[in-house]
Each structure stands twice: as structure tokens, then as C-alpha cells.
Amino acid sequence: MTQTILITGCSTGFGEATARLFASRGWNVIATMRRPEAEAGLANLPNVLVTRLDVQDPASIEAAMAAGLARFGRIDVLVNNAGFGLFGVFEETSREKVLEQFEVNLFGLMDVTRALLPHFRANRSGTIVNISSGAGVFALPMISLYCASKFALEGFSEALSYELSGLGIGVKIVEPGGVTSTAFGQRSGAEAAGAHSIPDYAPFVAASNAVFAGLRASRANATSAEVAEVIFTAATDGTNQLRYVATEDIKPLVAARRETSEAEYLAFMRARVAPKLG
């Protein structure tokens, strides 16, 4: 029987690449996005249904699920990919933007998951793949709110995996790092441009921007297609592995966080990402 996957955030980046990969391997794909009218040709692929799903709109979640089930009869895998990042100093960020960061990256993901769980329970099978980030493992300056949302996603996903294991439902976390072939950086930059600037932070912001520019120049960025391959592995390998590091560039930072002492980790990170002032 052909399996079916529902993916959120398919207009660009990981979501689009993942939809294309699963379709190319014979899966039925429910490719969801906030604005289906802007989709990049996914609807022309065989066995792909493009439909609207805005994780901040519960009615659209239910409608997308209903459309997918009407078309394919069953959903086997959910990929929670929709998300965005706020870039800037915490104090400069409005409470409204903080709430939006969590509504999209965490609460919306929870709503989509909750909506699909009865279907998975009825089938006594299913796999949930939550797209996290290296910023869900280690924290970086200027993205405190994005880190907070992804740290929360990691904790939620791990706890949920214990709750669902006896029901035949698996939970996976995919952790990508720097990827050039997405619109993520563009939206983060646009969000930062709208932030209120506090002069006291100007030296720190300038120094942080220089640190990030150096990191970007020194690392080998993966592509969305390569991350999609890791998502495919997580969804199909049949193991109880929880976390998948999806790009090479973050592996030293993940290792520092998970394989060294707290003091060693903080010394490593401060030397690598803390801006030098004065």
C-alpha cells in the first residue's frame, strides 16, 4: 500500500524539498502551506495534493487533514516543518513578536500534532518528524527567542515520544544547521529590520554580526535537498532513534553540548560565538 505523508511549510526550503523527495519515491504527499497560490509547481507532481494549512489557524489544520484523507484515505507520517526565526536582541523585540515566534514554531506544531493523533491512534501506527535546529541544542546570541522555541520543541518531542511509544507511534527530531537554499534567512532579516533599536546594544550587535559573518564564510552549508534526505531517513528507518543531526556544520557544536562538561561547553561556545567588545 502506498504510504502518505503530510508536510507543513512546503512553499520553500525544507518543506518543498521534502515534498519533492517523497513524491519521487512513490509516496502520496499532502503538501501544505499558508498560501497555496504561491506554490512552486508541487501540484504538477504525481500523487501530490497542495492545500492550505496555516499553523496559526486551527480551522485550516482540520480542513487540510480532511482534504488529505479524502484524497488518499490515510496519513502515515507527519512532518512538522513550518517555522521562522526572530533575529535581534531580546529587549528590542516586542511581546507580540515573541508570541508569534512561539505560536508558529511550537504551539502551531502542537495543534497540528494533536489534530492528527486520533488518526494515528486508530491505526496504531504513525511517525511524527519535528524539524528542530542546531539552535535547539546550543544557544546563540541574537536569536534567543528562536532558540527558546526550538529548545521547547526538543523537550516536547522527547516527552511525547515516551507517551506515544506504546501506541505504535514514533516521534523523531531532525536538527539542521546552516542551509543556504531556504528563505529562512530572508524572513529572519525582515523580522529584524522591524525591531526597535536600543543604542546601548549597538556595539554588541555589530560585533555579533561580524561573528556570524565569519561563521557563515568558514562553514560548508548543506542544501535543502540534503536535509530532506535526513528527514526521509528519520521517517522510514523503522528505528526508535530520536534525534538526527542533519548537517555537518553543527556537529562540533552539538558534540560540545552533548559530549563535554558544562564548563568545557561554555568555554568552547564563548570562544567561538561570543562577540569581542572593546
Protein backbone atom coordinates (compact mmCIF):
# COMPACT_ATOMS: atom_id res chain seq x y z
CA MET A 1 0.00 0.00 0.00
CA THR A 2 1.33 3.44 -0.93
CA GLN A 3 2.11 5.48 2.15
CA THR A 4 1.05 9.09 2.68
CA ILE A 5 2.90 11.98 4.29
CA LEU A 6 1.59 15.38 5.42
CA ILE A 7 4.17 18.17 5.49
CA THR A 8 3.73 21.72 6.78
CA GLY A 9 5.56 24.73 5.36
CA CYS A 10 6.02 23.42 1.82
CA SER A 11 6.21 26.70 -0.08
CA THR A 12 10.03 26.82 0.12
CA GLY A 13 13.06 25.28 1.77
CA PHE A 14 12.97 22.01 3.67
CA GLY A 15 9.24 21.55 3.19
CA GLU A 16 9.32 21.90 -0.58
CA ALA A 17 12.43 19.71 -0.90
CA THR A 18 10.91 17.06 1.34
CA ALA A 19 7.65 17.03 -0.62
CA ARG A 20 9.56 16.57 -3.87
CA LEU A 21 11.74 13.80 -2.45
CA PHE A 22 8.88 11.74 -1.03
CA ALA A 23 6.86 12.17 -4.24
CA SER A 24 9.85 10.99 -6.29
CA ARG A 25 9.97 7.84 -4.18
CA GLY A 26 6.37 6.93 -4.78
CA TRP A 27 4.68 8.37 -1.71
CA ASN A 28 1.40 10.25 -1.62
CA VAL A 29 2.17 13.77 -0.42
CA ILE A 30 -0.09 16.31 1.27
CA ALA A 31 1.98 19.46 0.77
CA THR A 32 0.58 22.23 2.95
CA MET A 33 1.39 25.92 3.14
CA ARG A 34 -0.12 29.22 4.17
CA ARG A 35 -0.50 30.45 0.59
CA PRO A 36 -1.09 27.59 -1.86
CA GLU A 37 -1.43 30.07 -4.71
CA ALA A 38 2.31 30.73 -4.41
CA GLU A 39 3.41 27.09 -4.58
CA ALA A 40 6.34 26.26 -6.86
CA GLY A 41 4.94 23.54 -9.10
CA LEU A 42 4.36 20.83 -6.50
CA ALA A 43 0.78 20.37 -7.66
CA ASN A 44 2.10 19.17 -11.02
CA LEU A 45 3.81 16.17 -9.43
CA PRO A 46 2.02 12.80 -9.35
CA ASN A 47 0.21 11.96 -6.13
CA VAL A 48 0.76 15.40 -4.58
CA LEU A 49 -2.10 17.36 -3.04
CA VAL A 50 -1.31 21.02 -2.36
CA THR A 51 -3.63 22.54 0.21
CA ARG A 52 -3.75 25.42 2.65
CA LEU A 53 -2.60 24.97 6.23
CA ASP A 54 -1.65 27.89 8.47
CA VAL A 55 -0.44 26.60 11.83
CA GLN A 56 -1.93 29.70 13.47
CA ASP A 57 -5.36 28.87 12.08
CA PRO A 58 -6.87 25.73 13.70
CA ALA A 59 -9.71 25.57 11.15
CA SER A 60 -7.16 25.34 8.33
CA ILE A 61 -5.44 22.44 10.10
CA GLU A 62 -8.67 20.45 10.27
CA ALA A 63 -9.53 21.33 6.65
CA ALA A 64 -6.10 20.24 5.37
CA MET A 65 -6.33 16.92 7.20
CA ALA A 66 -9.84 16.33 5.86
CA ALA A 67 -8.72 17.11 2.31
CA GLY A 68 -5.75 14.78 2.61
CA LEU A 69 -7.80 11.92 4.00
CA ALA A 70 -10.48 12.43 1.35
CA ARG A 71 -7.82 12.20 -1.37
CA PHE A 72 -5.62 9.41 -0.04
CA GLY A 73 -7.65 7.68 2.72
CA ARG A 74 -4.83 7.52 5.26
CA ILE A 75 -1.88 9.50 6.65
CA ASP A 76 1.23 7.62 7.80
CA VAL A 77 3.79 10.34 8.50
CA LEU A 78 3.57 13.94 9.71
CA VAL A 79 6.47 16.33 9.16
CA ASN A 80 6.12 19.49 11.27
CA ASN A 81 8.35 21.81 9.29
CA ALA A 82 6.63 25.23 9.32
CA GLY A 83 8.60 27.83 11.27
CA PHE A 84 10.56 31.05 11.21
CA GLY A 85 13.27 32.80 13.22
CA LEU A 86 13.40 36.12 15.01
CA PHE A 87 16.83 37.74 14.79
CA GLY A 88 17.82 40.50 17.18
CA VAL A 89 18.36 41.42 20.81
CA PHE A 90 15.65 40.17 23.16
CA GLU A 91 14.96 43.53 24.80
CA GLU A 92 14.34 45.09 21.39
CA THR A 93 11.67 42.52 20.48
CA SER A 94 8.01 43.25 21.17
CA ARG A 95 5.84 40.88 23.20
CA GLU A 96 3.65 40.43 20.11
CA LYS A 97 6.60 39.09 18.10
CA VAL A 98 7.62 36.82 20.98
CA LEU A 99 4.12 35.32 20.99
CA GLU A 100 4.20 34.89 17.21
CA GLN A 101 7.53 33.07 17.42
CA PHE A 102 6.06 30.52 19.80
CA GLU A 103 2.69 30.33 18.05
CA VAL A 104 4.35 29.30 14.79
CA ASN A 105 7.33 27.25 15.97
CA LEU A 106 5.74 25.47 18.94
CA PHE A 107 2.02 25.98 19.58
CA GLY A 108 1.10 25.55 15.91
CA LEU A 109 3.20 22.40 15.73
CA MET A 110 1.36 21.11 18.80
CA ASP A 111 -2.02 21.89 17.23
CA VAL A 112 -1.17 20.02 14.02
CA THR A 113 0.12 17.06 16.04
CA ARG A 114 -2.94 16.96 18.29
CA ALA A 115 -5.25 17.06 15.27
CA LEU A 116 -3.57 14.04 13.67
CA LEU A 117 -3.05 11.89 16.76
CA PRO A 118 -6.56 10.36 16.80
CA HIS A 119 -5.96 9.08 13.24
CA PHE A 120 -2.58 7.62 14.24
CA ARG A 121 -4.06 6.04 17.38
CA ALA A 122 -6.88 4.45 15.41
CA ASN A 123 -4.29 2.90 13.06
CA ARG A 124 -1.90 2.02 15.91
CA SER A 125 0.86 3.40 13.71
CA GLY A 126 2.34 6.65 12.50
CA THR A 127 5.51 8.72 12.63
CA ILE A 128 5.88 12.36 13.65
CA VAL A 129 9.02 14.14 12.44
CA ASN A 130 9.58 17.53 14.09
CA ILE A 131 12.06 19.87 12.44
CA SER A 132 14.20 21.45 15.12
CA SER A 133 17.56 23.19 14.62
CA GLY A 134 21.08 23.28 15.91
CA ALA A 135 19.66 26.25 17.84
CA GLY A 136 17.52 23.73 19.72
CA VAL A 137 20.70 22.10 21.04
CA PHE A 138 23.02 25.06 21.70
CA ALA A 139 22.16 28.73 22.16
CA LEU A 140 23.48 31.59 20.04
CA PRO A 141 23.36 35.36 20.57
CA MET A 142 20.82 37.41 18.62
CA ILE A 143 18.37 34.50 18.25
CA SER A 144 17.34 33.98 21.86
CA LEU A 145 13.65 33.62 21.02
CA TYR A 146 14.23 31.22 18.15
CA CYS A 147 16.47 29.17 20.46
CA ALA A 148 13.79 29.24 23.16
CA SER A 149 11.14 27.94 20.75
CA LYS A 150 13.39 25.15 19.46
CA PHE A 151 14.62 24.14 22.93
CA ALA A 152 10.94 23.83 23.87
CA LEU A 153 10.26 21.78 20.72
CA GLU A 154 13.04 19.38 21.67
CA GLY A 155 11.68 18.85 25.17
CA PHE A 156 8.12 18.46 23.95
CA SER A 157 9.16 15.96 21.26
CA GLU A 158 11.18 13.79 23.63
CA ALA A 159 8.42 13.68 26.24
CA LEU A 160 5.81 12.97 23.55
CA SER A 161 7.90 10.07 22.25
CA TYR A 162 7.54 8.34 25.62
CA GLU A 163 3.77 8.95 25.71
CA LEU A 164 3.20 7.51 22.23
CA SER A 165 5.65 4.61 22.12
CA GLY A 166 3.11 2.10 23.42
CA LEU A 167 0.61 3.11 20.73
CA GLY A 168 2.83 2.29 17.77
CA ILE A 169 3.52 5.98 17.06
CA GLY A 170 7.09 7.17 16.66
CA VAL A 171 8.49 10.65 17.22
CA LYS A 172 11.67 11.91 15.53
CA ILE A 173 13.61 15.19 15.77
CA VAL A 174 15.69 16.45 12.81
CA GLU A 175 18.30 19.09 13.64
CA PRO A 176 19.64 21.08 10.65
CA GLY A 177 22.21 23.83 10.82
CA GLY A 178 23.18 26.41 8.23
CA VAL A 179 21.41 25.87 4.93
CA THR A 180 21.68 28.37 2.09
CA SER A 181 18.87 27.15 -0.15
CA THR A 182 15.94 28.32 2.01
CA ALA A 183 14.07 31.59 2.54
CA PHE A 184 14.64 31.31 6.31
CA GLY A 185 17.39 33.93 6.42
CA GLN A 186 15.35 36.34 4.33
CA ARG A 187 12.40 36.25 6.72
CA SER A 188 14.70 36.49 9.76
CA GLY A 189 16.31 39.57 8.26
CA ALA A 190 12.95 41.13 7.54
CA GLU A 191 11.81 40.49 11.10
CA ALA A 192 15.00 42.07 12.46
CA ALA A 193 14.53 45.14 10.27
CA GLY A 194 11.26 45.87 12.06
CA ALA A 195 12.73 45.70 15.57
CA HIS A 196 13.14 48.75 17.77
CA SER A 197 16.84 49.61 18.23
CA ILE A 198 18.33 50.43 21.65
CA PRO A 199 21.64 52.31 21.26
CA ASP A 200 23.29 50.53 24.21
CA TYR A 201 23.24 47.30 22.22
CA ALA A 202 24.74 48.74 19.03
CA PRO A 203 28.36 47.63 19.72
CA PHE A 204 27.20 44.13 20.65
CA VAL A 205 25.00 43.85 17.55
CA ALA A 206 27.82 44.99 15.26
CA ALA A 207 30.28 42.56 16.86
CA SER A 208 27.73 39.71 16.70
CA ASN A 209 27.09 40.36 13.03
CA ALA A 210 30.83 40.09 12.41
CA VAL A 211 30.97 36.78 14.30
CA PHE A 212 28.08 35.35 12.27
CA ALA A 213 29.60 36.56 9.00
CA GLY A 214 32.81 34.72 9.87
CA LEU A 215 30.94 31.55 10.77
CA ARG A 216 28.99 31.64 7.51
CA ALA A 217 32.15 32.13 5.48
CA SER A 218 34.00 29.27 7.17
CA ARG A 219 31.38 26.54 7.06
CA ALA A 220 30.19 24.25 4.30
CA ASN A 221 26.47 24.83 4.01
CA ALA A 222 24.16 21.96 3.22
CA THR A 223 21.23 22.20 0.85
CA SER A 224 17.53 21.70 1.49
CA ALA A 225 17.70 18.55 -0.63
CA GLU A 226 20.35 17.07 1.67
CA VAL A 227 18.26 17.85 4.74
CA ALA A 228 15.25 16.27 3.02
CA GLU A 229 17.25 13.03 2.73
CA VAL A 230 17.75 13.03 6.51
CA ILE A 231 14.04 13.66 7.01
CA PHE A 232 13.32 10.71 4.73
CA THR A 233 15.65 8.51 6.78
CA ALA A 234 14.05 9.60 10.05
CA ALA A 235 10.57 8.86 8.68
CA THR A 236 11.38 5.46 7.23
CA ASP A 237 14.27 3.79 9.07
CA GLY A 238 11.97 1.91 11.46
CA THR A 239 14.20 2.53 14.48
CA ASN A 240 13.49 4.21 17.81
CA GLN A 241 16.28 6.76 17.25
CA LEU A 242 15.00 10.14 18.45
CA ARG A 243 17.45 12.77 17.17
CA TYR A 244 19.10 13.18 13.75
CA VAL A 245 21.77 15.83 13.20
CA ALA A 246 21.16 16.83 9.60
CA THR A 247 24.14 18.99 8.59
CA GLU A 248 27.88 18.68 9.11
CA ASP A 249 28.46 22.31 10.11
CA ILE A 250 26.80 21.99 13.53
CA LYS A 251 28.28 18.66 14.56
CA PRO A 252 31.21 20.20 16.53
CA LEU A 253 28.78 22.41 18.47
CA VAL A 254 26.38 19.52 19.10
CA ALA A 255 29.28 17.38 20.30
CA ALA A 256 30.44 20.15 22.63
CA ARG A 257 26.95 20.39 24.11
CA ARG A 258 26.28 16.66 24.45
CA GLU A 259 29.70 15.12 24.99
CA THR A 260 31.62 17.53 27.26
CA SER A 261 31.20 19.05 30.69
CA GLU A 262 29.22 22.24 31.23
CA ALA A 263 32.42 24.23 31.84
CA GLU A 264 34.08 22.86 28.69
CA TYR A 265 30.98 23.54 26.63
CA LEU A 266 30.64 27.16 27.77
CA ALA A 267 34.33 27.83 27.22
CA PHE A 268 34.06 26.38 23.71
CA MET A 269 30.97 28.41 22.84
CA ARG A 270 32.21 31.68 24.33
CA ALA A 271 35.43 31.40 22.35
CA ARG A 272 33.52 30.60 19.17
CA VAL A 273 30.38 32.75 19.14
CA ALA A 274 30.58 35.40 21.87
CA PRO A 275 31.41 38.76 20.23
CA LYS A 276 34.58 40.50 21.33
CA LEU A 277 33.82 44.04 22.51
CA GLY A 278 36.10 46.93 23.35
